[in-house]
Amino acid sequence: MAKVFISDHPLIQHKISIMRQQTTGTKEFRQLVEEVAMLLGYEALRDLPTELVEVQTPLEKCQVPMLAGKKMAIVPILRAGLGFVSGIQALVPSARIGHIGLYRDPVTHEPHEYFCKLPAHLEERVVLLVDPMLATGGSAVDAVNLVKQKGANNIKAMFLVACPEGLARLQKEHPDVDIYIGAMDRELNEHAYILPGLGDAGDRIYGTR
């Protein structure tokens, strides 16, 4: 079974608590998503491969570790996942960016693909799938399927808030994917929204409430 990391860092918990508040506005919400993405990204990327490279310091030459190979690809699930990208790019500016578009059927709550554009050579990259919410798990499962079809074999999935139902489904369907979660919430309601949650993350990021 792959790694499941649920953050207990006080900074992440504090920022998510502010995001939960109905009174938190779009600008602040968007900024907090970026900040939490960076903090979670620090944990998710601690095992990126490195290689020794010779550099000249002001005093002498030395061998120092630098990121190796094709590095990584960030793949947000549209549209809310876009809110994570800038925070992770601050950590790895050279990362390639892909996009997966999925919408949820309002009746069945199952995802449907409408767009997929991914970087080349995914088999040589760490692929970081990002989406604020892991609710039913359907979108995450389908997104992992898509990147695996394109050759990805080192996949990490990152979520702001998750619930047990979505986590269980993603683990069952893709036990080889490492999962990073900012906060684990209680359950889904009858409309497949996370409780207590923080509302529709896409609406709150883009001000379309």
N, C-alpha and C. Protein backbone atom coordinates (compact mmCIF):
# COMPACT_ATOMS: atom_id res chain seq x y z
N MET A 1 0.85 -1.20 0.00
CA MET A 1 0.00 0.00 0.00
C MET A 1 0.88 1.25 0.00
N ALA A 2 0.53 2.20 -0.83
CA ALA A 2 1.30 3.44 -0.92
C ALA A 2 1.07 4.30 0.32
N LYS A 3 1.84 5.39 0.38
CA LYS A 3 1.81 6.28 1.52
C LYS A 3 0.53 7.13 1.53
N VAL A 4 -0.05 7.32 2.72
CA VAL A 4 -1.13 8.30 2.93
C VAL A 4 -0.65 9.26 4.01
N PHE A 5 -0.51 10.52 3.63
CA PHE A 5 -0.04 11.55 4.55
C PHE A 5 -1.19 12.51 4.84
N ILE A 6 -1.62 12.58 6.08
CA ILE A 6 -2.65 13.54 6.50
C ILE A 6 -1.97 14.54 7.42
N SER A 7 -1.93 15.79 7.00
CA SER A 7 -1.14 16.78 7.72
C SER A 7 -1.71 17.09 9.09
N ASP A 8 -0.81 17.24 10.06
CA ASP A 8 -1.19 17.77 11.36
C ASP A 8 -0.41 19.05 11.66
N HIS A 9 0.18 19.63 10.61
CA HIS A 9 0.98 20.84 10.80
C HIS A 9 0.08 22.00 11.21
N PRO A 10 0.43 22.73 12.26
CA PRO A 10 -0.46 23.80 12.73
C PRO A 10 -0.69 24.91 11.70
N LEU A 11 0.29 25.20 10.85
CA LEU A 11 0.07 26.23 9.83
C LEU A 11 -0.97 25.79 8.81
N ILE A 12 -0.89 24.53 8.38
CA ILE A 12 -1.87 24.03 7.42
C ILE A 12 -3.26 23.99 8.06
N GLN A 13 -3.35 23.51 9.29
CA GLN A 13 -4.65 23.44 9.95
C GLN A 13 -5.25 24.83 10.14
N HIS A 14 -4.43 25.78 10.52
CA HIS A 14 -4.91 27.16 10.71
C HIS A 14 -5.44 27.75 9.41
N LYS A 15 -4.70 27.57 8.33
CA LYS A 15 -5.10 28.14 7.05
C LYS A 15 -6.38 27.48 6.52
N ILE A 16 -6.49 26.17 6.68
CA ILE A 16 -7.72 25.50 6.23
C ILE A 16 -8.90 25.94 7.08
N SER A 17 -8.68 26.18 8.37
CA SER A 17 -9.77 26.65 9.23
C SER A 17 -10.29 28.00 8.77
N ILE A 18 -9.40 28.88 8.35
CA ILE A 18 -9.85 30.17 7.82
C ILE A 18 -10.64 29.96 6.53
N MET A 19 -10.19 29.05 5.70
CA MET A 19 -10.88 28.78 4.43
C MET A 19 -12.27 28.21 4.65
N ARG A 20 -12.47 27.49 5.73
CA ARG A 20 -13.80 26.91 6.00
C ARG A 20 -14.84 27.99 6.27
N GLN A 21 -14.41 29.13 6.78
CA GLN A 21 -15.37 30.15 7.20
C GLN A 21 -16.11 30.74 5.99
N GLN A 22 -17.42 30.80 6.11
CA GLN A 22 -18.26 31.33 5.03
C GLN A 22 -17.91 32.78 4.69
N THR A 23 -17.38 33.50 5.66
CA THR A 23 -17.09 34.92 5.46
C THR A 23 -15.75 35.17 4.77
N THR A 24 -14.93 34.14 4.57
CA THR A 24 -13.65 34.32 3.90
C THR A 24 -13.88 34.63 2.42
N GLY A 25 -13.34 35.75 1.96
CA GLY A 25 -13.59 36.21 0.59
C GLY A 25 -12.73 35.50 -0.44
N THR A 26 -13.02 35.77 -1.71
CA THR A 26 -12.36 35.09 -2.82
C THR A 26 -10.85 35.31 -2.82
N LYS A 27 -10.42 36.56 -2.67
CA LYS A 27 -8.98 36.86 -2.73
C LYS A 27 -8.22 36.12 -1.64
N GLU A 28 -8.74 36.15 -0.42
CA GLU A 28 -8.06 35.48 0.68
C GLU A 28 -8.10 33.97 0.51
N PHE A 29 -9.23 33.45 0.07
CA PHE A 29 -9.37 32.01 -0.13
C PHE A 29 -8.35 31.53 -1.16
N ARG A 30 -8.26 32.24 -2.28
CA ARG A 30 -7.33 31.86 -3.34
C ARG A 30 -5.89 31.88 -2.84
N GLN A 31 -5.55 32.90 -2.08
CA GLN A 31 -4.19 33.00 -1.55
C GLN A 31 -3.88 31.87 -0.58
N LEU A 32 -4.86 31.51 0.25
CA LEU A 32 -4.67 30.42 1.20
C LEU A 32 -4.50 29.08 0.48
N VAL A 33 -5.24 28.86 -0.61
CA VAL A 33 -5.06 27.63 -1.39
C VAL A 33 -3.62 27.52 -1.87
N GLU A 34 -3.07 28.61 -2.39
CA GLU A 34 -1.69 28.62 -2.86
C GLU A 34 -0.72 28.31 -1.73
N GLU A 35 -0.96 28.90 -0.56
CA GLU A 35 -0.06 28.69 0.57
C GLU A 35 -0.10 27.25 1.07
N VAL A 36 -1.30 26.69 1.17
CA VAL A 36 -1.42 25.30 1.62
C VAL A 36 -0.81 24.36 0.58
N ALA A 37 -1.00 24.67 -0.71
CA ALA A 37 -0.39 23.86 -1.76
C ALA A 37 1.12 23.81 -1.62
N MET A 38 1.72 24.96 -1.30
CA MET A 38 3.17 24.98 -1.13
C MET A 38 3.60 24.15 0.09
N LEU A 39 2.86 24.28 1.18
CA LEU A 39 3.21 23.54 2.39
C LEU A 39 3.03 22.03 2.20
N LEU A 40 1.93 21.63 1.55
CA LEU A 40 1.73 20.20 1.27
C LEU A 40 2.74 19.71 0.25
N GLY A 41 3.05 20.56 -0.74
CA GLY A 41 4.02 20.19 -1.76
C GLY A 41 5.39 19.90 -1.16
N TYR A 42 5.76 20.65 -0.14
CA TYR A 42 7.03 20.42 0.54
C TYR A 42 7.09 18.98 1.05
N GLU A 43 5.98 18.48 1.62
CA GLU A 43 5.95 17.10 2.11
C GLU A 43 5.92 16.10 0.96
N ALA A 44 5.11 16.39 -0.05
CA ALA A 44 4.94 15.42 -1.14
C ALA A 44 6.21 15.25 -1.96
N LEU A 45 7.04 16.29 -2.02
CA LEU A 45 8.20 16.26 -2.91
C LEU A 45 9.51 16.01 -2.18
N ARG A 46 9.45 15.58 -0.94
CA ARG A 46 10.69 15.39 -0.19
C ARG A 46 11.52 14.23 -0.71
N ASP A 47 10.94 13.35 -1.56
CA ASP A 47 11.71 12.23 -2.09
C ASP A 47 12.00 12.38 -3.58
N LEU A 48 11.95 13.61 -4.11
CA LEU A 48 12.34 13.81 -5.51
C LEU A 48 13.77 13.32 -5.71
N PRO A 49 14.04 12.67 -6.84
CA PRO A 49 15.40 12.16 -7.08
C PRO A 49 16.40 13.30 -7.30
N THR A 50 17.61 13.11 -6.78
CA THR A 50 18.67 14.10 -6.95
C THR A 50 19.92 13.42 -7.49
N GLU A 51 20.84 14.23 -7.99
CA GLU A 51 22.14 13.75 -8.43
C GLU A 51 23.19 14.77 -8.02
N LEU A 52 24.43 14.32 -7.85
CA LEU A 52 25.51 15.22 -7.46
C LEU A 52 26.05 15.95 -8.68
N VAL A 53 26.18 17.26 -8.54
CA VAL A 53 26.68 18.11 -9.62
C VAL A 53 27.81 18.96 -9.05
N GLU A 54 28.85 19.15 -9.84
CA GLU A 54 29.98 19.98 -9.38
C GLU A 54 29.69 21.45 -9.62
N VAL A 55 29.87 22.27 -8.59
CA VAL A 55 29.71 23.72 -8.71
C VAL A 55 30.93 24.41 -8.11
N GLN A 56 31.12 25.65 -8.51
CA GLN A 56 32.20 26.47 -7.97
C GLN A 56 31.61 27.47 -6.99
N THR A 57 31.91 27.31 -5.72
CA THR A 57 31.49 28.30 -4.72
C THR A 57 32.50 29.45 -4.73
N PRO A 58 32.28 30.52 -4.00
CA PRO A 58 33.29 31.58 -3.90
C PRO A 58 34.62 31.10 -3.33
N LEU A 59 34.62 29.89 -2.72
CA LEU A 59 35.84 29.41 -2.06
C LEU A 59 36.47 28.19 -2.73
N GLU A 60 35.63 27.28 -3.28
CA GLU A 60 36.18 26.07 -3.86
C GLU A 60 35.13 25.34 -4.69
N LYS A 61 35.56 24.33 -5.42
CA LYS A 61 34.64 23.45 -6.11
C LYS A 61 34.13 22.38 -5.14
N CYS A 62 32.84 22.00 -5.34
CA CYS A 62 32.29 20.93 -4.50
C CYS A 62 31.18 20.22 -5.23
N GLN A 63 30.84 19.03 -4.74
CA GLN A 63 29.74 18.24 -5.28
C GLN A 63 28.49 18.52 -4.45
N VAL A 64 27.42 18.93 -5.12
CA VAL A 64 26.19 19.29 -4.41
C VAL A 64 24.99 18.60 -5.05
N PRO A 65 23.94 18.30 -4.27
CA PRO A 65 22.76 17.64 -4.84
C PRO A 65 21.85 18.61 -5.58
N MET A 66 21.41 18.21 -6.76
CA MET A 66 20.41 18.95 -7.53
C MET A 66 19.39 17.95 -8.07
N LEU A 67 18.19 18.46 -8.39
CA LEU A 67 17.15 17.59 -8.91
C LEU A 67 17.62 16.89 -10.19
N ALA A 68 17.25 15.62 -10.31
CA ALA A 68 17.75 14.80 -11.40
C ALA A 68 16.67 14.52 -12.43
N GLY A 69 17.09 14.22 -13.66
CA GLY A 69 16.19 13.73 -14.69
C GLY A 69 15.17 14.75 -15.16
N LYS A 70 14.02 14.24 -15.57
CA LYS A 70 12.95 15.07 -16.12
C LYS A 70 12.15 15.79 -15.03
N LYS A 71 12.53 15.56 -13.78
CA LYS A 71 11.90 16.21 -12.64
C LYS A 71 10.44 15.84 -12.51
N MET A 72 9.49 16.75 -12.79
CA MET A 72 8.11 16.43 -12.44
C MET A 72 7.11 17.13 -13.34
N ALA A 73 5.88 16.70 -13.21
CA ALA A 73 4.75 17.33 -13.89
C ALA A 73 3.65 17.58 -12.87
N ILE A 74 3.08 18.77 -12.92
CA ILE A 74 1.93 19.12 -12.09
C ILE A 74 0.69 18.99 -12.96
N VAL A 75 -0.30 18.23 -12.52
CA VAL A 75 -1.51 18.01 -13.31
C VAL A 75 -2.72 18.36 -12.46
N PRO A 76 -3.25 19.58 -12.60
CA PRO A 76 -4.47 19.94 -11.87
C PRO A 76 -5.70 19.35 -12.55
N ILE A 77 -6.67 18.96 -11.73
CA ILE A 77 -7.99 18.57 -12.23
C ILE A 77 -8.82 19.84 -12.30
N LEU A 78 -9.23 20.21 -13.52
CA LEU A 78 -9.94 21.47 -13.74
C LEU A 78 -11.32 21.43 -13.10
N ARG A 79 -11.78 22.60 -12.62
CA ARG A 79 -11.05 23.84 -12.69
C ARG A 79 -10.37 24.19 -11.37
N ALA A 80 -10.90 23.62 -10.29
CA ALA A 80 -10.43 24.02 -8.96
C ALA A 80 -8.97 23.67 -8.72
N GLY A 81 -8.48 22.60 -9.35
CA GLY A 81 -7.10 22.21 -9.15
C GLY A 81 -6.09 23.25 -9.60
N LEU A 82 -6.51 24.16 -10.48
CA LEU A 82 -5.61 25.22 -10.93
C LEU A 82 -5.13 26.08 -9.76
N GLY A 83 -5.94 26.16 -8.71
CA GLY A 83 -5.56 26.98 -7.57
C GLY A 83 -4.30 26.50 -6.87
N PHE A 84 -3.93 25.23 -7.09
CA PHE A 84 -2.74 24.65 -6.46
C PHE A 84 -1.46 24.95 -7.23
N VAL A 85 -1.58 25.24 -8.52
CA VAL A 85 -0.40 25.20 -9.40
C VAL A 85 0.67 26.20 -9.01
N SER A 86 0.31 27.45 -8.78
CA SER A 86 1.33 28.46 -8.51
C SER A 86 2.09 28.18 -7.22
N GLY A 87 1.41 27.63 -6.21
CA GLY A 87 2.08 27.29 -4.96
C GLY A 87 3.13 26.22 -5.15
N ILE A 88 2.82 25.21 -5.98
CA ILE A 88 3.79 24.13 -6.21
C ILE A 88 4.89 24.59 -7.16
N GLN A 89 4.53 25.41 -8.14
CA GLN A 89 5.54 25.94 -9.05
C GLN A 89 6.57 26.79 -8.32
N ALA A 90 6.18 27.43 -7.23
CA ALA A 90 7.14 28.19 -6.44
C ALA A 90 8.24 27.29 -5.89
N LEU A 91 7.91 26.01 -5.67
CA LEU A 91 8.89 25.05 -5.19
C LEU A 91 9.72 24.47 -6.32
N VAL A 92 9.06 24.16 -7.45
CA VAL A 92 9.74 23.54 -8.61
C VAL A 92 9.36 24.33 -9.86
N PRO A 93 10.03 25.47 -10.11
CA PRO A 93 9.64 26.31 -11.26
C PRO A 93 9.76 25.63 -12.61
N SER A 94 10.61 24.61 -12.70
CA SER A 94 10.81 23.93 -13.99
C SER A 94 9.78 22.86 -14.27
N ALA A 95 8.86 22.61 -13.36
CA ALA A 95 7.86 21.54 -13.56
C ALA A 95 7.00 21.82 -14.78
N ARG A 96 6.72 20.79 -15.53
CA ARG A 96 5.78 20.89 -16.65
C ARG A 96 4.35 20.84 -16.10
N ILE A 97 3.42 21.44 -16.86
CA ILE A 97 2.03 21.52 -16.41
C ILE A 97 1.13 20.81 -17.40
N GLY A 98 0.30 19.91 -16.90
CA GLY A 98 -0.75 19.30 -17.71
C GLY A 98 -2.11 19.71 -17.17
N HIS A 99 -3.18 19.35 -17.87
CA HIS A 99 -4.52 19.69 -17.42
C HIS A 99 -5.47 18.53 -17.73
N ILE A 100 -6.30 18.20 -16.76
CA ILE A 100 -7.36 17.22 -16.96
C ILE A 100 -8.69 17.87 -16.59
N GLY A 101 -9.61 17.88 -17.53
CA GLY A 101 -10.93 18.46 -17.30
C GLY A 101 -11.96 17.38 -17.05
N LEU A 102 -12.58 17.42 -15.88
CA LEU A 102 -13.64 16.48 -15.52
C LEU A 102 -14.80 17.26 -14.90
N TYR A 103 -16.02 16.90 -15.24
CA TYR A 103 -17.17 17.49 -14.57
C TYR A 103 -18.00 16.38 -13.93
N ARG A 104 -18.67 16.73 -12.86
CA ARG A 104 -19.42 15.73 -12.10
C ARG A 104 -20.89 15.77 -12.48
N ASP A 105 -21.45 14.62 -12.84
CA ASP A 105 -22.87 14.53 -13.16
C ASP A 105 -23.68 14.88 -11.92
N PRO A 106 -24.63 15.83 -12.04
CA PRO A 106 -25.36 16.27 -10.84
C PRO A 106 -26.27 15.20 -10.25
N VAL A 107 -26.58 14.17 -11.00
CA VAL A 107 -27.47 13.11 -10.51
C VAL A 107 -26.67 11.93 -9.98
N THR A 108 -25.75 11.40 -10.81
CA THR A 108 -25.00 10.21 -10.42
C THR A 108 -23.75 10.55 -9.61
N HIS A 109 -23.30 11.81 -9.70
CA HIS A 109 -22.07 12.29 -9.04
C HIS A 109 -20.82 11.65 -9.62
N GLU A 110 -20.94 10.97 -10.77
CA GLU A 110 -19.79 10.37 -11.41
C GLU A 110 -19.13 11.37 -12.36
N PRO A 111 -17.79 11.30 -12.52
CA PRO A 111 -17.08 12.26 -13.36
C PRO A 111 -17.16 11.92 -14.85
N HIS A 112 -17.07 12.95 -15.68
CA HIS A 112 -17.01 12.78 -17.13
C HIS A 112 -15.88 13.66 -17.67
N GLU A 113 -15.03 13.07 -18.53
CA GLU A 113 -13.89 13.80 -19.06
C GLU A 113 -14.33 14.73 -20.19
N TYR A 114 -13.81 15.96 -20.21
CA TYR A 114 -14.04 16.86 -21.34
C TYR A 114 -12.75 17.44 -21.89
N PHE A 115 -11.61 17.23 -21.20
CA PHE A 115 -10.34 17.76 -21.70
C PHE A 115 -9.19 17.01 -21.04
N CYS A 116 -8.14 16.75 -21.83
CA CYS A 116 -6.93 16.12 -21.27
C CYS A 116 -5.74 16.50 -22.14
N LYS A 117 -4.81 17.24 -21.58
CA LYS A 117 -3.58 17.63 -22.27
C LYS A 117 -2.45 17.47 -21.27
N LEU A 118 -1.53 16.54 -21.58
CA LEU A 118 -0.49 16.17 -20.61
C LEU A 118 0.90 16.33 -21.22
N PRO A 119 1.92 16.62 -20.39
CA PRO A 119 3.29 16.72 -20.89
C PRO A 119 3.80 15.39 -21.44
N ALA A 120 4.82 15.49 -22.29
CA ALA A 120 5.45 14.29 -22.84
C ALA A 120 6.31 13.62 -21.77
N HIS A 121 6.63 12.35 -22.01
CA HIS A 121 7.57 11.58 -21.19
C HIS A 121 7.12 11.47 -19.73
N LEU A 122 5.83 11.23 -19.53
CA LEU A 122 5.35 11.09 -18.15
C LEU A 122 6.01 9.92 -17.43
N GLU A 123 6.43 8.92 -18.19
CA GLU A 123 7.07 7.77 -17.56
C GLU A 123 8.40 8.14 -16.90
N GLU A 124 8.95 9.29 -17.25
CA GLU A 124 10.22 9.73 -16.68
C GLU A 124 10.04 10.79 -15.60
N ARG A 125 8.81 11.12 -15.27
CA ARG A 125 8.54 12.22 -14.34
C ARG A 125 7.79 11.75 -13.11
N VAL A 126 7.97 12.48 -12.02
CA VAL A 126 7.04 12.40 -10.90
C VAL A 126 5.81 13.21 -11.29
N VAL A 127 4.64 12.60 -11.22
CA VAL A 127 3.40 13.27 -11.60
C VAL A 127 2.62 13.60 -10.34
N LEU A 128 2.36 14.89 -10.15
CA LEU A 128 1.62 15.34 -8.97
C LEU A 128 0.23 15.79 -9.42
N LEU A 129 -0.78 14.96 -9.14
CA LEU A 129 -2.18 15.30 -9.43
C LEU A 129 -2.73 16.13 -8.29
N VAL A 130 -3.38 17.25 -8.62
CA VAL A 130 -3.86 18.13 -7.56
C VAL A 130 -5.32 18.51 -7.77
N ASP A 131 -6.07 18.51 -6.67
CA ASP A 131 -7.48 18.88 -6.66
C ASP A 131 -7.83 19.24 -5.22
N PRO A 132 -8.53 20.33 -4.98
CA PRO A 132 -8.81 20.69 -3.58
C PRO A 132 -9.61 19.65 -2.81
N MET A 133 -10.55 18.96 -3.46
CA MET A 133 -11.45 18.10 -2.71
C MET A 133 -11.36 16.64 -3.18
N LEU A 134 -11.24 15.72 -2.22
CA LEU A 134 -11.37 14.29 -2.50
C LEU A 134 -12.69 13.86 -1.86
N ALA A 135 -13.75 13.90 -2.65
CA ALA A 135 -15.11 13.64 -2.15
C ALA A 135 -15.49 12.19 -2.42
N THR A 136 -16.17 11.92 -3.54
CA THR A 136 -16.51 10.53 -3.86
C THR A 136 -15.28 9.74 -4.31
N GLY A 137 -14.27 10.45 -4.78
CA GLY A 137 -13.07 9.79 -5.30
C GLY A 137 -13.14 9.49 -6.78
N GLY A 138 -14.30 9.72 -7.40
CA GLY A 138 -14.46 9.39 -8.82
C GLY A 138 -13.52 10.17 -9.73
N SER A 139 -13.43 11.48 -9.53
CA SER A 139 -12.56 12.29 -10.38
C SER A 139 -11.10 11.92 -10.20
N ALA A 140 -10.70 11.69 -8.97
CA ALA A 140 -9.30 11.33 -8.71
C ALA A 140 -8.96 9.99 -9.36
N VAL A 141 -9.84 9.01 -9.24
CA VAL A 141 -9.61 7.70 -9.85
C VAL A 141 -9.48 7.83 -11.37
N ASP A 142 -10.39 8.58 -11.99
CA ASP A 142 -10.34 8.75 -13.45
C ASP A 142 -9.10 9.51 -13.88
N ALA A 143 -8.70 10.52 -13.10
CA ALA A 143 -7.50 11.29 -13.44
C ALA A 143 -6.26 10.41 -13.38
N VAL A 144 -6.17 9.56 -12.36
CA VAL A 144 -5.03 8.64 -12.28
C VAL A 144 -5.04 7.68 -13.46
N ASN A 145 -6.22 7.19 -13.84
CA ASN A 145 -6.32 6.31 -15.00
C ASN A 145 -5.75 6.99 -16.25
N LEU A 146 -6.07 8.28 -16.43
CA LEU A 146 -5.63 9.00 -17.62
C LEU A 146 -4.11 9.17 -17.65
N VAL A 147 -3.51 9.54 -16.52
CA VAL A 147 -2.06 9.73 -16.54
C VAL A 147 -1.33 8.39 -16.65
N LYS A 148 -1.91 7.33 -16.11
CA LYS A 148 -1.29 6.01 -16.27
C LYS A 148 -1.34 5.58 -17.74
N GLN A 149 -2.44 5.90 -18.42
CA GLN A 149 -2.54 5.56 -19.84
C GLN A 149 -1.47 6.25 -20.67
N LYS A 150 -0.99 7.40 -20.18
CA LYS A 150 0.06 8.16 -20.87
C LYS A 150 1.45 7.77 -20.39
N GLY A 151 1.54 6.75 -19.56
CA GLY A 151 2.84 6.21 -19.19
C GLY A 151 3.30 6.52 -17.78
N ALA A 152 2.57 7.33 -17.03
CA ALA A 152 3.02 7.70 -15.68
C ALA A 152 3.07 6.46 -14.77
N ASN A 153 4.14 6.35 -14.02
CA ASN A 153 4.27 5.24 -13.07
C ASN A 153 4.73 5.69 -11.69
N ASN A 154 4.94 7.00 -11.52
CA ASN A 154 5.31 7.56 -10.22
C ASN A 154 4.36 8.71 -9.95
N ILE A 155 3.24 8.40 -9.29
CA ILE A 155 2.13 9.35 -9.17
C ILE A 155 1.87 9.67 -7.71
N LYS A 156 1.70 10.95 -7.44
CA LYS A 156 1.29 11.43 -6.13
C LYS A 156 0.02 12.25 -6.32
N ALA A 157 -0.91 12.14 -5.39
CA ALA A 157 -2.16 12.90 -5.45
C ALA A 157 -2.26 13.78 -4.22
N MET A 158 -2.64 15.05 -4.42
CA MET A 158 -2.67 16.01 -3.32
C MET A 158 -4.05 16.66 -3.24
N PHE A 159 -4.59 16.74 -2.02
CA PHE A 159 -5.91 17.30 -1.80
C PHE A 159 -5.89 18.21 -0.59
N LEU A 160 -6.68 19.27 -0.67
CA LEU A 160 -6.82 20.18 0.46
C LEU A 160 -7.62 19.51 1.58
N VAL A 161 -8.80 18.97 1.21
CA VAL A 161 -9.71 18.34 2.16
C VAL A 161 -10.20 17.03 1.56
N ALA A 162 -10.30 16.00 2.39
CA ALA A 162 -10.78 14.70 1.93
C ALA A 162 -11.77 14.14 2.92
N CYS A 163 -12.45 13.06 2.51
CA CYS A 163 -13.35 12.34 3.42
C CYS A 163 -13.03 10.85 3.31
N PRO A 164 -13.44 10.06 4.29
CA PRO A 164 -13.07 8.64 4.28
C PRO A 164 -13.54 7.88 3.04
N GLU A 165 -14.74 8.23 2.53
CA GLU A 165 -15.27 7.52 1.37
C GLU A 165 -14.37 7.69 0.15
N GLY A 166 -13.96 8.93 -0.11
CA GLY A 166 -13.11 9.18 -1.27
C GLY A 166 -11.73 8.57 -1.13
N LEU A 167 -11.17 8.66 0.07
CA LEU A 167 -9.86 8.07 0.31
C LEU A 167 -9.89 6.56 0.10
N ALA A 168 -10.92 5.91 0.61
CA ALA A 168 -11.02 4.45 0.48
C ALA A 168 -11.13 4.05 -0.99
N ARG A 169 -11.90 4.81 -1.76
CA ARG A 169 -12.07 4.46 -3.18
C ARG A 169 -10.77 4.63 -3.95
N LEU A 170 -10.07 5.75 -3.71
CA LEU A 170 -8.82 5.99 -4.42
C LEU A 170 -7.78 4.94 -4.05
N GLN A 171 -7.69 4.58 -2.78
CA GLN A 171 -6.74 3.55 -2.35
C GLN A 171 -7.07 2.19 -2.97
N LYS A 172 -8.36 1.87 -3.04
CA LYS A 172 -8.76 0.59 -3.60
C LYS A 172 -8.43 0.50 -5.09
N GLU A 173 -8.74 1.57 -5.83
CA GLU A 173 -8.55 1.55 -7.28
C GLU A 173 -7.08 1.73 -7.68
N HIS A 174 -6.35 2.50 -6.88
CA HIS A 174 -4.95 2.80 -7.22
C HIS A 174 -4.07 2.70 -5.97
N PRO A 175 -3.80 1.48 -5.51
CA PRO A 175 -3.04 1.31 -4.27
C PRO A 175 -1.57 1.72 -4.40
N ASP A 176 -1.12 2.03 -5.61
CA ASP A 176 0.28 2.43 -5.81
C ASP A 176 0.48 3.94 -5.79
N VAL A 177 -0.57 4.72 -5.56
CA VAL A 177 -0.48 6.18 -5.59
C VAL A 177 -0.34 6.73 -4.17
N ASP A 178 0.69 7.52 -3.95
CA ASP A 178 0.85 8.22 -2.67
C ASP A 178 -0.18 9.35 -2.58
N ILE A 179 -0.75 9.56 -1.40
CA ILE A 179 -1.83 10.53 -1.22
C ILE A 179 -1.45 11.50 -0.10
N TYR A 180 -1.63 12.79 -0.37
CA TYR A 180 -1.30 13.84 0.59
C TYR A 180 -2.54 14.70 0.82
N ILE A 181 -2.93 14.85 2.08
CA ILE A 181 -4.20 15.48 2.43
C ILE A 181 -3.96 16.55 3.49
N GLY A 182 -4.56 17.73 3.28
CA GLY A 182 -4.44 18.79 4.26
C GLY A 182 -5.28 18.56 5.49
N ALA A 183 -6.52 18.06 5.30
CA ALA A 183 -7.41 17.80 6.43
C ALA A 183 -8.38 16.68 6.05
N MET A 184 -8.61 15.77 6.99
CA MET A 184 -9.57 14.69 6.77
C MET A 184 -10.88 15.04 7.47
N ASP A 185 -11.94 15.17 6.68
CA ASP A 185 -13.24 15.54 7.22
C ASP A 185 -14.10 14.32 7.51
N ARG A 186 -15.33 14.57 7.96
CA ARG A 186 -16.15 13.51 8.55
C ARG A 186 -16.78 12.57 7.53
N GLU A 187 -17.50 13.12 6.54
CA GLU A 187 -18.30 12.28 5.66
C GLU A 187 -18.82 13.09 4.47
N LEU A 188 -19.51 12.39 3.56
CA LEU A 188 -20.24 13.03 2.47
C LEU A 188 -21.70 13.18 2.85
N ASN A 189 -22.33 14.26 2.35
CA ASN A 189 -23.78 14.37 2.53
C ASN A 189 -24.49 13.74 1.34
N GLU A 190 -25.81 13.87 1.28
CA GLU A 190 -26.58 13.21 0.22
C GLU A 190 -26.31 13.79 -1.16
N HIS A 191 -25.69 14.97 -1.23
CA HIS A 191 -25.35 15.59 -2.51
C HIS A 191 -23.88 15.38 -2.85
N ALA A 192 -23.20 14.50 -2.11
CA ALA A 192 -21.79 14.17 -2.32
C ALA A 192 -20.87 15.35 -2.06
N TYR A 193 -21.25 16.22 -1.11
CA TYR A 193 -20.37 17.28 -0.64
C TYR A 193 -19.75 16.86 0.69
N ILE A 194 -18.50 17.24 0.89
CA ILE A 194 -17.79 16.89 2.10
C ILE A 194 -18.31 17.71 3.29
N LEU A 195 -18.50 17.04 4.43
CA LEU A 195 -18.90 17.70 5.67
C LEU A 195 -17.80 17.55 6.72
N PRO A 196 -17.44 18.60 7.46
CA PRO A 196 -18.00 19.95 7.37
C PRO A 196 -17.56 20.72 6.13
N GLY A 197 -16.43 20.35 5.55
CA GLY A 197 -16.03 20.90 4.26
C GLY A 197 -15.75 22.38 4.28
N LEU A 198 -15.71 22.94 3.07
CA LEU A 198 -15.51 24.38 2.91
C LEU A 198 -16.27 24.92 1.72
N GLY A 199 -17.30 24.18 1.30
CA GLY A 199 -18.10 24.61 0.16
C GLY A 199 -17.48 24.15 -1.16
N ASP A 200 -17.95 24.75 -2.24
CA ASP A 200 -17.43 24.43 -3.57
C ASP A 200 -16.12 25.18 -3.78
N ALA A 201 -15.01 24.45 -3.81
CA ALA A 201 -13.70 25.10 -3.86
C ALA A 201 -13.53 25.92 -5.14
N GLY A 202 -14.03 25.42 -6.26
CA GLY A 202 -13.92 26.18 -7.51
C GLY A 202 -14.66 27.50 -7.45
N ASP A 203 -15.87 27.48 -6.93
CA ASP A 203 -16.64 28.72 -6.79
C ASP A 203 -15.93 29.70 -5.87
N ARG A 204 -15.34 29.20 -4.82
CA ARG A 204 -14.71 30.10 -3.84
C ARG A 204 -13.36 30.62 -4.35
N ILE A 205 -12.65 29.83 -5.15
CA ILE A 205 -11.40 30.31 -5.72
C ILE A 205 -11.65 31.39 -6.77
N TYR A 206 -12.68 31.20 -7.59
CA TYR A 206 -12.90 32.07 -8.74
C TYR A 206 -14.04 33.07 -8.55
N GLY A 207 -14.67 33.06 -7.38
CA GLY A 207 -15.70 34.04 -7.11
C GLY A 207 -16.97 33.84 -7.89
N THR A 208 -17.32 32.58 -8.17
CA THR A 208 -18.52 32.29 -8.96
C THR A 208 -19.64 31.72 -8.11
N ARG A 209 -19.62 32.02 -6.83
CA ARG A 209 -20.69 31.55 -5.94
C ARG A 209 -22.02 32.19 -6.31
